[in-house]
Amino acid sequence: MNITSAFVQGEFIGLQAKVVESSNADTVGISGIVIDETRNTLLVRHKDADKMVVKDSSVFHFTMSDGTIVEVDGKVILGRPEDRLKKKIKRRW
């Protein structure tokens, strides 16, 4: 699926997420529902534990409600969710 600016600017809380690449090998493979988002991190509920994943050094697979999987580089989604709505997204894909 092509990533649109609407998806990148949208809300990630509640989406199923999986870390597929990261500079921190301990975070690769973390999957679960995104329960919180800050400027630089995503908080993912993974096996009944909450794991903090740094956005800048990770690549995520987000699963949409219709089953579509979208791969997103964490650098694209850096910033607070409310600020992402305001800024123009430079296409990196």
PDB file of N, CA and C in Angstrom:
ATOM      1  N   MET A   1       0.854  -1.185   0.000  1.00  0.00           N
ATOM      2  CA  MET A   1       0.000   0.000   0.000  1.00  0.00           C
ATOM      3  C   MET A   1       0.887   1.231   0.000  1.00  0.00           C
ATOM      4  N   ASN A   2       0.500   2.227  -0.775  1.00  0.00           N
ATOM      5  CA  ASN A   2       1.223   3.490  -0.765  1.00  0.00           C
ATOM      6  C   ASN A   2       0.880   4.253   0.506  1.00  0.00           C
ATOM      7  N   ILE A   3       1.910   4.794   1.124  1.00  0.00           N
ATOM      8  CA  ILE A   3       1.694   5.582   2.332  1.00  0.00           C
ATOM      9  C   ILE A   3       1.241   6.971   1.908  1.00  0.00           C
ATOM     10  N   THR A   4       0.179   7.446   2.501  1.00  0.00           N
ATOM     11  CA  THR A   4      -0.296   8.788   2.199  1.00  0.00           C
ATOM     12  C   THR A   4       0.024   9.694   3.372  1.00  0.00           C
ATOM     13  N   SER A   5       0.011  10.985   3.105  1.00  0.00           N
ATOM     14  CA  SER A   5       0.271  11.930   4.194  1.00  0.00           C
ATOM     15  C   SER A   5      -0.837  11.850   5.241  1.00  0.00           C
ATOM     16  N   ALA A   6      -2.047  11.486   4.837  1.00  0.00           N
ATOM     17  CA  ALA A   6      -3.143  11.356   5.800  1.00  0.00           C
ATOM     18  C   ALA A   6      -2.849  10.238   6.801  1.00  0.00           C
ATOM     19  N   PHE A   7      -2.264   9.138   6.335  1.00  0.00           N
ATOM     20  CA  PHE A   7      -1.918   8.053   7.258  1.00  0.00           C
ATOM     21  C   PHE A   7      -0.818   8.489   8.215  1.00  0.00           C
ATOM     22  N   VAL A   8       0.216   9.126   7.690  1.00  0.00           N
ATOM     23  CA  VAL A   8       1.343   9.557   8.514  1.00  0.00           C
ATOM     24  C   VAL A   8       0.904  10.612   9.524  1.00  0.00           C
ATOM     25  N   GLN A   9      -0.020  11.456   9.153  1.00  0.00           N
ATOM     26  CA  GLN A   9      -0.493  12.497  10.055  1.00  0.00           C
ATOM     27  C   GLN A   9      -1.564  11.982  11.002  1.00  0.00           C
ATOM     28  N   GLY A  10      -2.041  10.779  10.788  1.00  0.00           N
ATOM     29  CA  GLY A  10      -3.137  10.235  11.584  1.00  0.00           C
ATOM     30  C   GLY A  10      -2.714   9.727  12.946  1.00  0.00           C
ATOM     31  N   GLU A  11      -3.648   9.099  13.608  1.00  0.00           N
ATOM     32  CA  GLU A  11      -3.480   8.591  14.958  1.00  0.00           C
ATOM     33  C   GLU A  11      -2.989   7.146  14.906  1.00  0.00           C
ATOM     34  N   PHE A  12      -1.977   6.817  15.695  1.00  0.00           N
ATOM     35  CA  PHE A  12      -1.440   5.467  15.736  1.00  0.00           C
ATOM     36  C   PHE A  12      -1.908   4.688  16.958  1.00  0.00           C
ATOM     37  N   ILE A  13      -2.440   5.383  17.953  1.00  0.00           N
ATOM     38  CA  ILE A  13      -2.918   4.705  19.152  1.00  0.00           C
ATOM     39  C   ILE A  13      -4.092   3.818  18.770  1.00  0.00           C
ATOM     40  N   GLY A  14      -3.992   2.558  19.168  1.00  0.00           N
ATOM     41  CA  GLY A  14      -5.026   1.585  18.855  1.00  0.00           C
ATOM     42  C   GLY A  14      -4.688   0.696  17.667  1.00  0.00           C
ATOM     43  N   LEU A  15      -3.682   1.067  16.896  1.00  0.00           N
ATOM     44  CA  LEU A  15      -3.280   0.237  15.759  1.00  0.00           C
ATOM     45  C   LEU A  15      -2.351  -0.886  16.216  1.00  0.00           C
ATOM     46  N   GLN A  16      -2.402  -1.992  15.504  1.00  0.00           N
ATOM     47  CA  GLN A  16      -1.470  -3.088  15.733  1.00  0.00           C
ATOM     48  C   GLN A  16      -0.142  -2.697  15.096  1.00  0.00           C
ATOM     49  N   ALA A  17       0.960  -2.819  15.824  1.00  0.00           N
ATOM     50  CA  ALA A  17       2.275  -2.426  15.323  1.00  0.00           C
ATOM     51  C   ALA A  17       3.289  -3.533  15.589  1.00  0.00           C
ATOM     52  N   LYS A  18       4.275  -3.603  14.699  1.00  0.00           N
ATOM     53  CA  LYS A  18       5.371  -4.551  14.877  1.00  0.00           C
ATOM     54  C   LYS A  18       6.663  -3.854  14.478  1.00  0.00           C
ATOM     55  N   VAL A  19       7.704  -4.008  15.289  1.00  0.00           N
ATOM     56  CA  VAL A  19       9.014  -3.444  14.970  1.00  0.00           C
ATOM     57  C   VAL A  19       9.744  -4.475  14.113  1.00  0.00           C
ATOM     58  N   VAL A  20      10.050  -4.096  12.859  1.00  0.00           N
ATOM     59  CA  VAL A  20      10.711  -5.032  11.944  1.00  0.00           C
ATOM     60  C   VAL A  20      12.199  -4.750  11.785  1.00  0.00           C
ATOM     61  N   GLU A  21      12.620  -3.527  12.021  1.00  0.00           N
ATOM     62  CA  GLU A  21      14.039  -3.162  11.979  1.00  0.00           C
ATOM     63  C   GLU A  21      14.284  -2.121  13.060  1.00  0.00           C
ATOM     64  N   SER A  22      15.480  -2.175  13.637  1.00  0.00           N
ATOM     65  CA  SER A  22      15.847  -1.188  14.641  1.00  0.00           C
ATOM     66  C   SER A  22      17.347  -1.252  14.879  1.00  0.00           C
ATOM     67  N   SER A  23      17.929  -0.128  15.266  1.00  0.00           N
ATOM     68  CA  SER A  23      19.339  -0.129  15.629  1.00  0.00           C
ATOM     69  C   SER A  23      19.536  -0.814  16.984  1.00  0.00           C
ATOM     70  N   ASN A  24      18.468  -0.933  17.771  1.00  0.00           N
ATOM     71  CA  ASN A  24      18.494  -1.646  19.040  1.00  0.00           C
ATOM     72  C   ASN A  24      17.911  -3.041  18.802  1.00  0.00           C
ATOM     73  N   ALA A  25      18.760  -4.046  18.795  1.00  0.00           N
ATOM     74  CA  ALA A  25      18.329  -5.411  18.484  1.00  0.00           C
ATOM     75  C   ALA A  25      17.300  -5.951  19.477  1.00  0.00           C
ATOM     76  N   ASP A  26      17.250  -5.417  20.684  1.00  0.00           N
ATOM     77  CA  ASP A  26      16.286  -5.887  21.676  1.00  0.00           C
ATOM     78  C   ASP A  26      14.852  -5.524  21.324  1.00  0.00           C
ATOM     79  N   THR A  27      14.654  -4.493  20.526  1.00  0.00           N
ATOM     80  CA  THR A  27      13.294  -4.069  20.201  1.00  0.00           C
ATOM     81  C   THR A  27      12.740  -4.721  18.940  1.00  0.00           C
ATOM     82  N   VAL A  28      13.598  -5.349  18.126  1.00  0.00           N
ATOM     83  CA  VAL A  28      13.119  -6.013  16.910  1.00  0.00           C
ATOM     84  C   VAL A  28      12.226  -7.184  17.306  1.00  0.00           C
ATOM     85  N   GLY A  29      11.051  -7.235  16.703  1.00  0.00           N
ATOM     86  CA  GLY A  29      10.106  -8.301  16.998  1.00  0.00           C
ATOM     87  C   GLY A  29       9.025  -7.915  17.990  1.00  0.00           C
ATOM     88  N   ILE A  30       9.158  -6.777  18.623  1.00  0.00           N
ATOM     89  CA  ILE A  30       8.101  -6.328  19.527  1.00  0.00           C
ATOM     90  C   ILE A  30       6.855  -6.052  18.710  1.00  0.00           C
ATOM     91  N   SER A  31       5.745  -6.643  19.122  1.00  0.00           N
ATOM     92  CA  SER A  31       4.490  -6.408  18.403  1.00  0.00           C
ATOM     93  C   SER A  31       3.359  -6.325  19.409  1.00  0.00           C
ATOM     94  N   GLY A  32       2.356  -5.582  19.040  1.00  0.00           N
ATOM     95  CA  GLY A  32       1.191  -5.417  19.894  1.00  0.00           C
ATOM     96  C   GLY A  32       0.451  -4.147  19.529  1.00  0.00           C
ATOM     97  N   ILE A  33      -0.440  -3.750  20.386  1.00  0.00           N
ATOM     98  CA  ILE A  33      -1.250  -2.559  20.149  1.00  0.00           C
ATOM     99  C   ILE A  33      -0.539  -1.340  20.715  1.00  0.00           C
ATOM    100  N   VAL A  34      -0.511  -0.264  19.932  1.00  0.00           N
ATOM    101  CA  VAL A  34       0.072   1.000  20.383  1.00  0.00           C
ATOM    102  C   VAL A  34      -0.868   1.599  21.419  1.00  0.00           C
ATOM    103  N   ILE A  35      -0.358   1.825  22.628  1.00  0.00           N
ATOM    104  CA  ILE A  35      -1.218   2.363  23.684  1.00  0.00           C
ATOM    105  C   ILE A  35      -0.900   3.814  24.030  1.00  0.00           C
ATOM    106  N   ASP A  36       0.256   4.298  23.597  1.00  0.00           N
ATOM    107  CA  ASP A  36       0.589   5.702  23.843  1.00  0.00           C
ATOM    108  C   ASP A  36       1.665   6.125  22.853  1.00  0.00           C
ATOM    109  N   GLU A  37       1.720   7.419  22.606  1.00  0.00           N
ATOM    110  CA  GLU A  37       2.709   7.962  21.688  1.00  0.00           C
ATOM    111  C   GLU A  37       3.227   9.275  22.237  1.00  0.00           C
ATOM    112  N   THR A  38       4.541   9.432  22.208  1.00  0.00           N
ATOM    113  CA  THR A  38       5.157  10.700  22.580  1.00  0.00           C
ATOM    114  C   THR A  38       5.912  11.220  21.358  1.00  0.00           C
ATOM    115  N   ARG A  39       6.650  12.294  21.556  1.00  0.00           N
ATOM    116  CA  ARG A  39       7.376  12.898  20.446  1.00  0.00           C
ATOM    117  C   ARG A  39       8.368  11.931  19.805  1.00  0.00           C
ATOM    118  N   ASN A  40       9.063  11.157  20.618  1.00  0.00           N
ATOM    119  CA  ASN A  40      10.127  10.299  20.119  1.00  0.00           C
ATOM    120  C   ASN A  40       9.890   8.804  20.288  1.00  0.00           C
ATOM    121  N   THR A  41       8.797   8.405  20.930  1.00  0.00           N
ATOM    122  CA  THR A  41       8.599   6.988  21.222  1.00  0.00           C
ATOM    123  C   THR A  41       7.162   6.538  20.979  1.00  0.00           C
ATOM    124  N   LEU A  42       7.030   5.231  20.820  1.00  0.00           N
ATOM    125  CA  LEU A  42       5.726   4.570  20.827  1.00  0.00           C
ATOM    126  C   LEU A  42       5.726   3.596  21.993  1.00  0.00           C
ATOM    127  N   LEU A  43       4.629   3.523  22.718  1.00  0.00           N
ATOM    128  CA  LEU A  43       4.475   2.572  23.802  1.00  0.00           C
ATOM    129  C   LEU A  43       3.572   1.457  23.289  1.00  0.00           C
ATOM    130  N   VAL A  44       4.128   0.246  23.228  1.00  0.00           N
ATOM    131  CA  VAL A  44       3.426  -0.892  22.648  1.00  0.00           C
ATOM    132  C   VAL A  44       3.174  -1.927  23.736  1.00  0.00           C
ATOM    133  N   ARG A  45       1.917  -2.417  23.822  1.00  0.00           N
ATOM    134  CA  ARG A  45       1.593  -3.489  24.769  1.00  0.00           C
ATOM    135  C   ARG A  45       2.000  -4.800  24.118  1.00  0.00           C
ATOM    136  N   HIS A  46       3.064  -5.422  24.647  1.00  0.00           N
ATOM    137  CA  HIS A  46       3.656  -6.641  24.084  1.00  0.00           C
ATOM    138  C   HIS A  46       3.635  -7.733  25.142  1.00  0.00           C
ATOM    139  N   LYS A  47       2.828  -8.757  24.928  1.00  0.00           N
ATOM    140  CA  LYS A  47       2.745  -9.898  25.853  1.00  0.00           C
ATOM    141  C   LYS A  47       2.512  -9.444  27.289  1.00  0.00           C
ATOM    142  N   ASP A  48       1.486  -8.671  27.514  1.00  0.00           N
ATOM    143  CA  ASP A  48       1.092  -8.185  28.841  1.00  0.00           C
ATOM    144  C   ASP A  48       2.126  -7.283  29.501  1.00  0.00           C
ATOM    145  N   ALA A  49       3.070  -6.760  28.739  1.00  0.00           N
ATOM    146  CA  ALA A  49       4.042  -5.795  29.254  1.00  0.00           C
ATOM    147  C   ALA A  49       4.084  -4.620  28.283  1.00  0.00           C
ATOM    148  N   ASP A  50       4.351  -3.436  28.804  1.00  0.00           N
ATOM    149  CA  ASP A  50       4.421  -2.247  27.970  1.00  0.00           C
ATOM    150  C   ASP A  50       5.882  -1.992  27.601  1.00  0.00           C
ATOM    151  N   LYS A  51       6.144  -1.911  26.293  1.00  0.00           N
ATOM    152  CA  LYS A  51       7.504  -1.718  25.791  1.00  0.00           C
ATOM    153  C   LYS A  51       7.588  -0.365  25.090  1.00  0.00           C
ATOM    154  N   MET A  52       8.624   0.395  25.423  1.00  0.00           N
ATOM    155  CA  MET A  52       8.874   1.693  24.821  1.00  0.00           C
ATOM    156  C   MET A  52       9.823   1.494  23.640  1.00  0.00           C
ATOM    157  N   VAL A  53       9.420   1.985  22.456  1.00  0.00           N
ATOM    158  CA  VAL A  53      10.226   1.835  21.251  1.00  0.00           C
ATOM    159  C   VAL A  53      10.537   3.221  20.702  1.00  0.00           C
ATOM    160  N   VAL A  54      11.803   3.480  20.437  1.00  0.00           N
ATOM    161  CA  VAL A  54      12.226   4.762  19.887  1.00  0.00           C
ATOM    162  C   VAL A  54      11.866   4.807  18.403  1.00  0.00           C
ATOM    163  N   LYS A  55      11.199   5.876  17.981  1.00  0.00           N
ATOM    164  CA  LYS A  55      10.758   6.008  16.590  1.00  0.00           C
ATOM    165  C   LYS A  55      11.918   6.200  15.626  1.00  0.00           C
ATOM    166  N   ASP A  56      12.864   7.043  16.001  1.00  0.00           N
ATOM    167  CA  ASP A  56      13.912   7.492  15.097  1.00  0.00           C
ATOM    168  C   ASP A  56      14.755   6.358  14.525  1.00  0.00           C
ATOM    169  N   SER A  57      14.963   5.316  15.294  1.00  0.00           N
ATOM    170  CA  SER A  57      15.864   4.249  14.865  1.00  0.00           C
ATOM    171  C   SER A  57      15.137   2.959  14.506  1.00  0.00           C
ATOM    172  N   SER A  58      13.835   3.041  14.229  1.00  0.00           N
ATOM    173  CA  SER A  58      13.048   1.839  13.980  1.00  0.00           C
ATOM    174  C   SER A  58      12.223   1.945  12.708  1.00  0.00           C
ATOM    175  N   VAL A  59      11.864   0.775  12.189  1.00  0.00           N
ATOM    176  CA  VAL A  59      10.918   0.669  11.081  1.00  0.00           C
ATOM    177  C   VAL A  59       9.761  -0.179  11.588  1.00  0.00           C
ATOM    178  N   PHE A  60       8.531   0.295  11.345  1.00  0.00           N
ATOM    179  CA  PHE A  60       7.338  -0.343  11.886  1.00  0.00           C
ATOM    180  C   PHE A  60       6.454  -0.897  10.775  1.00  0.00           C
ATOM    181  N   HIS A  61       5.728  -1.971  11.090  1.00  0.00           N
ATOM    182  CA  HIS A  61       4.628  -2.445  10.264  1.00  0.00           C
ATOM    183  C   HIS A  61       3.357  -2.173  11.061  1.00  0.00           C
ATOM    184  N   PHE A  62       2.481  -1.340  10.523  1.00  0.00           N
ATOM    185  CA  PHE A  62       1.192  -1.062  11.144  1.00  0.00           C
ATOM    186  C   PHE A  62       0.124  -1.834  10.392  1.00  0.00           C
ATOM    187  N   THR A  63      -0.761  -2.505  11.120  1.00  0.00           N
ATOM    188  CA  THR A  63      -1.851  -3.258  10.516  1.00  0.00           C
ATOM    189  C   THR A  63      -3.128  -2.443  10.643  1.00  0.00           C
ATOM    190  N   MET A  64      -3.717  -2.137   9.482  1.00  0.00           N
ATOM    191  CA  MET A  64      -4.955  -1.361   9.451  1.00  0.00           C
ATOM    192  C   MET A  64      -6.128  -2.256   9.835  1.00  0.00           C
ATOM    193  N   SER A  65      -7.289  -1.661  10.058  1.00  0.00           N
ATOM    194  CA  SER A  65      -8.470  -2.423  10.455  1.00  0.00           C
ATOM    195  C   SER A  65      -8.929  -3.394   9.371  1.00  0.00           C
ATOM    196  N   ASP A  66      -8.601  -3.111   8.100  1.00  0.00           N
ATOM    197  CA  ASP A  66      -8.993  -4.017   7.011  1.00  0.00           C
ATOM    198  C   ASP A  66      -7.939  -5.087   6.736  1.00  0.00           C
ATOM    199  N   GLY A  67      -6.870  -5.138   7.543  1.00  0.00           N
ATOM    200  CA  GLY A  67      -5.841  -6.151   7.391  1.00  0.00           C
ATOM    201  C   GLY A  67      -4.646  -5.717   6.564  1.00  0.00           C
ATOM    202  N   THR A  68      -4.682  -4.526   5.988  1.00  0.00           N
ATOM    203  CA  THR A  68      -3.572  -4.010   5.197  1.00  0.00           C
ATOM    204  C   THR A  68      -2.400  -3.694   6.106  1.00  0.00           C
ATOM    205  N   ILE A  69      -1.211  -4.110   5.696  1.00  0.00           N
ATOM    206  CA  ILE A  69      -0.001  -3.830   6.466  1.00  0.00           C
ATOM    207  C   ILE A  69       0.764  -2.704   5.783  1.00  0.00           C
ATOM    208  N   VAL A  70       1.097  -1.682   6.550  1.00  0.00           N
ATOM    209  CA  VAL A  70       1.808  -0.518   6.038  1.00  0.00           C
ATOM    210  C   VAL A  70       3.149  -0.425   6.743  1.00  0.00           C
ATOM    211  N   GLU A  71       4.229  -0.339   5.967  1.00  0.00           N
ATOM    212  CA  GLU A  71       5.569  -0.186   6.535  1.00  0.00           C
ATOM    213  C   GLU A  71       5.906   1.294   6.600  1.00  0.00           C
ATOM    214  N   VAL A  72       6.323   1.743   7.784  1.00  0.00           N
ATOM    215  CA  VAL A  72       6.619   3.156   7.999  1.00  0.00           C
ATOM    216  C   VAL A  72       7.962   3.284   8.697  1.00  0.00           C
ATOM    217  N   ASP A  73       8.831   4.115   8.138  1.00  0.00           N
ATOM    218  CA  ASP A  73      10.092   4.440   8.797  1.00  0.00           C
ATOM    219  C   ASP A  73       9.782   5.386   9.953  1.00  0.00           C
ATOM    220  N   GLY A  74      10.348   5.117  11.101  1.00  0.00           N
ATOM    221  CA  GLY A  74      10.081   5.931  12.284  1.00  0.00           C
ATOM    222  C   GLY A  74      10.461   7.385  12.124  1.00  0.00           C
ATOM    223  N   LYS A  75      11.430   7.679  11.264  1.00  0.00           N
ATOM    224  CA  LYS A  75      11.841   9.066  11.043  1.00  0.00           C
ATOM    225  C   LYS A  75      10.703   9.894  10.452  1.00  0.00           C
ATOM    226  N   VAL A  76       9.817   9.253   9.710  1.00  0.00           N
ATOM    227  CA  VAL A  76       8.698   9.955   9.081  1.00  0.00           C
ATOM    228  C   VAL A  76       7.659  10.376  10.119  1.00  0.00           C
ATOM    229  N   ILE A  77       7.530   9.602  11.186  1.00  0.00           N
ATOM    230  CA  ILE A  77       6.490   9.885  12.177  1.00  0.00           C
ATOM    231  C   ILE A  77       7.031  10.542  13.442  1.00  0.00           C
ATOM    232  N   LEU A  78       8.267  11.061  13.389  1.00  0.00           N
ATOM    233  CA  LEU A  78       8.813  11.774  14.540  1.00  0.00           C
ATOM    234  C   LEU A  78       7.968  13.007  14.844  1.00  0.00           C
ATOM    235  N   GLY A  79       7.846  13.323  16.078  1.00  0.00           N
ATOM    236  CA  GLY A  79       7.095  14.502  16.497  1.00  0.00           C
ATOM    237  C   GLY A  79       5.845  14.119  17.248  1.00  0.00           C
ATOM    238  N   ARG A  80       5.316  15.086  17.958  1.00  0.00           N
ATOM    239  CA  ARG A  80       4.085  14.849  18.702  1.00  0.00           C
ATOM    240  C   ARG A  80       2.937  14.671  17.736  1.00  0.00           C
ATOM    241  N   PRO A  81       1.976  13.826  18.074  1.00  0.00           N
ATOM    242  CA  PRO A  81       0.862  13.574  17.162  1.00  0.00           C
ATOM    243  C   PRO A  81       0.122  14.848  16.754  1.00  0.00           C
ATOM    244  N   GLU A  82      -0.065  15.745  17.693  1.00  0.00           N
ATOM    245  CA  GLU A  82      -0.806  16.975  17.378  1.00  0.00           C
ATOM    246  C   GLU A  82      -0.007  17.906  16.472  1.00  0.00           C
ATOM    247  N   ASP A  83       1.322  17.831  16.534  1.00  0.00           N
ATOM    248  CA  ASP A  83       2.153  18.661  15.670  1.00  0.00           C
ATOM    249  C   ASP A  83       2.288  18.086  14.266  1.00  0.00           C
ATOM    250  N   ARG A  84       2.173  16.757  14.137  1.00  0.00           N
ATOM    251  CA  ARG A  84       2.233  16.142  12.809  1.00  0.00           C
ATOM    252  C   ARG A  84       1.077  16.597  11.927  1.00  0.00           C
ATOM    253  N   LEU A  85      -0.047  16.910  12.536  1.00  0.00           N
ATOM    254  CA  LEU A  85      -1.193  17.387  11.764  1.00  0.00           C
ATOM    255  C   LEU A  85      -0.913  18.724  11.100  1.00  0.00           C
ATOM    256  N   LYS A  86      -0.123  19.555  11.757  1.00  0.00           N
ATOM    257  CA  LYS A  86       0.124  20.914  11.279  1.00  0.00           C
ATOM    258  C   LYS A  86       1.200  20.996  10.208  1.00  0.00           C
ATOM    259  N   LYS A  87       2.198  20.113  10.279  1.00  0.00           N
ATOM    260  CA  LYS A  87       3.320  20.274   9.367  1.00  0.00           C
ATOM    261  C   LYS A  87       3.102  19.537   8.050  1.00  0.00           C
ATOM    262  N   LYS A  88       3.735  20.064   7.018  1.00  0.00           N
ATOM    263  CA  LYS A  88       3.686  19.405   5.721  1.00  0.00           C
ATOM    264  C   LYS A  88       4.657  18.237   5.744  1.00  0.00           C
ATOM    265  N   ILE A  89       4.243  17.150   5.185  1.00  0.00           N
ATOM    266  CA  ILE A  89       5.061  15.940   5.146  1.00  0.00           C
ATOM    267  C   ILE A  89       5.865  15.919   3.859  1.00  0.00           C
ATOM    268  N   LYS A  90       7.179  15.811   4.002  1.00  0.00           N
ATOM    269  CA  LYS A  90       8.034  15.653   2.832  1.00  0.00           C
ATOM    270  C   LYS A  90       8.047  14.181   2.477  1.00  0.00           C
ATOM    271  N   ARG A  91       7.751  13.865   1.247  1.00  0.00           N
ATOM    272  CA  ARG A  91       7.671  12.468   0.837  1.00  0.00           C
ATOM    273  C   ARG A  91       9.052  11.851   0.842  1.00  0.00           C
ATOM    274  N   ARG A  92       9.204  10.783   1.588  1.00  0.00           N
ATOM    275  CA  ARG A  92      10.462  10.044   1.660  1.00  0.00           C
ATOM    276  C   ARG A  92      10.274   8.637   1.117  1.00  0.00           C
ATOM    277  N   TRP A  93       9.204   8.415   0.418  1.00  0.00           N
ATOM    278  CA  TRP A  93       8.939   7.081  -0.107  1.00  0.00           C
ATOM    279  C   TRP A  93       8.611   7.137  -1.568  1.00  0.00           C
TER     280      TRP A  93
END
